[in-house]
Amino acid sequence: MIYIRNLTKVYHSASGNVRALEDVNLNIEKGDIFGIIGLSGAGKSTLLRCINMLEKPTSGS
């Protein structure tokens, strides 16, 4: 099971901060088939990278 609470990911750069994810909440139960869809730049890959812990979330669990 995957439970995500208030997940936020902010990237910092010289030109300012970019909020890739903001307060994402998600429950995926055992046996669920789940897809993540959205426009380019919506944060799909960032969300998956945070779930896999390839990226450390700025806040949330």
N, C-alpha and C. Protein backbone atom coordinates (compact mmCIF):
# COMPACT_ATOMS: atom_id res chain seq x y z
N MET A 1 0.83 -1.18 0.00
CA MET A 1 0.00 0.00 0.00
C MET A 1 0.88 1.25 0.00
N ILE A 2 0.45 2.23 -0.69
CA ILE A 2 1.18 3.49 -0.76
C ILE A 2 0.26 4.59 -0.24
N TYR A 3 0.72 5.29 0.78
CA TYR A 3 -0.02 6.43 1.33
C TYR A 3 0.88 7.65 1.25
N ILE A 4 0.40 8.69 0.61
CA ILE A 4 1.15 9.94 0.49
C ILE A 4 0.32 11.04 1.12
N ARG A 5 0.97 11.82 1.98
CA ARG A 5 0.28 12.90 2.69
C ARG A 5 1.03 14.21 2.51
N ASN A 6 0.35 15.20 1.94
CA ASN A 6 0.87 16.57 1.84
C ASN A 6 2.27 16.64 1.23
N LEU A 7 2.50 15.85 0.19
CA LEU A 7 3.80 15.80 -0.46
C LEU A 7 4.04 17.08 -1.26
N THR A 8 5.15 17.72 -0.99
CA THR A 8 5.56 18.94 -1.70
C THR A 8 7.00 18.78 -2.15
N LYS A 9 7.28 19.18 -3.38
CA LYS A 9 8.64 19.18 -3.89
C LYS A 9 8.91 20.53 -4.52
N VAL A 10 9.92 21.23 -4.01
CA VAL A 10 10.31 22.54 -4.52
C VAL A 10 11.75 22.44 -5.03
N TYR A 11 11.96 22.91 -6.25
CA TYR A 11 13.31 23.01 -6.80
C TYR A 11 13.76 24.46 -6.66
N HIS A 12 15.00 24.64 -6.21
CA HIS A 12 15.56 25.98 -6.00
C HIS A 12 16.55 26.29 -7.12
N SER A 13 16.49 27.50 -7.64
CA SER A 13 17.45 27.92 -8.66
C SER A 13 17.76 29.40 -8.46
N ALA A 14 18.72 29.89 -9.20
CA ALA A 14 19.11 31.29 -9.08
C ALA A 14 17.98 32.23 -9.50
N SER A 15 17.11 31.77 -10.39
CA SER A 15 16.01 32.62 -10.86
C SER A 15 14.76 32.51 -9.99
N GLY A 16 14.80 31.64 -8.98
CA GLY A 16 13.65 31.52 -8.07
C GLY A 16 13.31 30.07 -7.79
N ASN A 17 12.23 29.88 -7.05
CA ASN A 17 11.79 28.54 -6.67
C ASN A 17 10.68 28.06 -7.61
N VAL A 18 10.69 26.76 -7.86
CA VAL A 18 9.65 26.14 -8.69
C VAL A 18 9.00 25.04 -7.86
N ARG A 19 7.69 25.14 -7.65
CA ARG A 19 6.94 24.11 -6.93
C ARG A 19 6.47 23.07 -7.94
N ALA A 20 7.18 21.93 -7.97
CA ALA A 20 6.80 20.86 -8.90
C ALA A 20 5.58 20.11 -8.39
N LEU A 21 5.49 19.94 -7.07
CA LEU A 21 4.35 19.28 -6.42
C LEU A 21 3.96 20.10 -5.21
N GLU A 22 2.67 20.20 -4.95
CA GLU A 22 2.22 20.97 -3.79
C GLU A 22 1.05 20.26 -3.11
N ASP A 23 1.29 19.81 -1.87
CA ASP A 23 0.27 19.19 -1.02
C ASP A 23 -0.48 18.06 -1.72
N VAL A 24 0.26 17.10 -2.28
CA VAL A 24 -0.34 15.95 -2.95
C VAL A 24 -0.73 14.91 -1.90
N ASN A 25 -1.96 14.41 -1.98
CA ASN A 25 -2.44 13.33 -1.13
C ASN A 25 -2.91 12.20 -2.02
N LEU A 26 -2.52 10.96 -1.66
CA LEU A 26 -2.81 9.83 -2.53
C LEU A 26 -2.82 8.55 -1.71
N ASN A 27 -3.81 7.69 -1.93
CA ASN A 27 -3.87 6.36 -1.34
C ASN A 27 -3.96 5.34 -2.46
N ILE A 28 -3.04 4.39 -2.48
CA ILE A 28 -3.10 3.29 -3.43
C ILE A 28 -3.11 2.01 -2.61
N GLU A 29 -4.21 1.29 -2.66
CA GLU A 29 -4.38 0.08 -1.87
C GLU A 29 -3.74 -1.12 -2.59
N LYS A 30 -3.43 -2.15 -1.83
CA LYS A 30 -2.86 -3.37 -2.38
C LYS A 30 -3.80 -3.92 -3.45
N GLY A 31 -3.26 -4.25 -4.61
CA GLY A 31 -4.04 -4.80 -5.71
C GLY A 31 -4.63 -3.77 -6.65
N ASP A 32 -4.54 -2.49 -6.28
CA ASP A 32 -5.06 -1.43 -7.15
C ASP A 32 -4.18 -1.28 -8.39
N ILE A 33 -4.80 -0.99 -9.50
CA ILE A 33 -4.09 -0.63 -10.72
C ILE A 33 -4.28 0.87 -10.87
N PHE A 34 -3.18 1.59 -10.99
CA PHE A 34 -3.23 3.04 -10.89
C PHE A 34 -2.40 3.66 -12.00
N GLY A 35 -2.89 4.71 -12.60
CA GLY A 35 -2.15 5.43 -13.62
C GLY A 35 -2.04 6.90 -13.26
N ILE A 36 -0.97 7.52 -13.68
CA ILE A 36 -0.77 8.96 -13.45
C ILE A 36 -0.72 9.62 -14.82
N ILE A 37 -1.68 10.51 -15.07
CA ILE A 37 -1.74 11.20 -16.35
C ILE A 37 -1.78 12.70 -16.11
N GLY A 38 -1.33 13.45 -17.08
CA GLY A 38 -1.38 14.91 -16.99
C GLY A 38 -0.59 15.53 -18.11
N LEU A 39 -0.68 16.83 -18.19
CA LEU A 39 0.03 17.58 -19.22
C LEU A 39 1.53 17.56 -18.97
N SER A 40 2.27 17.91 -19.99
CA SER A 40 3.72 18.04 -19.87
C SER A 40 4.04 19.09 -18.81
N GLY A 41 4.94 18.73 -17.90
CA GLY A 41 5.33 19.66 -16.85
C GLY A 41 4.43 19.66 -15.64
N ALA A 42 3.48 18.73 -15.58
CA ALA A 42 2.52 18.69 -14.47
C ALA A 42 3.08 18.06 -13.20
N GLY A 43 4.23 17.38 -13.28
CA GLY A 43 4.84 16.80 -12.09
C GLY A 43 4.70 15.29 -11.99
N LYS A 44 4.31 14.63 -13.06
CA LYS A 44 4.13 13.17 -13.04
C LYS A 44 5.43 12.45 -12.71
N SER A 45 6.49 12.77 -13.41
CA SER A 45 7.78 12.12 -13.17
C SER A 45 8.32 12.47 -11.80
N THR A 46 8.14 13.70 -11.37
CA THR A 46 8.60 14.11 -10.04
C THR A 46 7.86 13.32 -8.97
N LEU A 47 6.56 13.13 -9.13
CA LEU A 47 5.79 12.34 -8.17
C LEU A 47 6.33 10.91 -8.09
N LEU A 48 6.55 10.28 -9.24
CA LEU A 48 7.08 8.91 -9.24
C LEU A 48 8.47 8.86 -8.64
N ARG A 49 9.30 9.85 -8.92
CA ARG A 49 10.65 9.87 -8.36
C ARG A 49 10.61 10.05 -6.84
N CYS A 50 9.65 10.79 -6.33
CA CYS A 50 9.49 10.95 -4.88
C CYS A 50 8.97 9.65 -4.25
N ILE A 51 8.04 8.98 -4.92
CA ILE A 51 7.54 7.69 -4.41
C ILE A 51 8.68 6.68 -4.35
N ASN A 52 9.53 6.64 -5.36
CA ASN A 52 10.67 5.71 -5.41
C ASN A 52 11.86 6.17 -4.58
N MET A 53 11.75 7.37 -3.99
CA MET A 53 12.82 7.98 -3.20
C MET A 53 14.07 8.26 -4.03
N LEU A 54 13.90 8.47 -5.33
CA LEU A 54 15.00 8.94 -6.16
C LEU A 54 15.18 10.45 -5.99
N GLU A 55 14.10 11.11 -5.57
CA GLU A 55 14.11 12.53 -5.20
C GLU A 55 13.60 12.62 -3.77
N LYS A 56 14.23 13.46 -2.97
CA LYS A 56 13.76 13.66 -1.60
C LYS A 56 12.69 14.76 -1.62
N PRO A 57 11.49 14.46 -1.12
CA PRO A 57 10.45 15.50 -1.06
C PRO A 57 10.89 16.65 -0.16
N THR A 58 10.43 17.85 -0.47
CA THR A 58 10.71 19.01 0.37
C THR A 58 9.97 18.88 1.69
N SER A 59 8.72 18.41 1.63
CA SER A 59 7.93 18.15 2.84
C SER A 59 6.88 17.11 2.54
N GLY A 60 6.26 16.59 3.59
CA GLY A 60 5.24 15.57 3.46
C GLY A 60 5.79 14.19 3.71
N SER A 61 4.91 13.23 3.62
CA SER A 61 5.33 11.84 3.85
C SER A 61 4.55 10.91 2.94
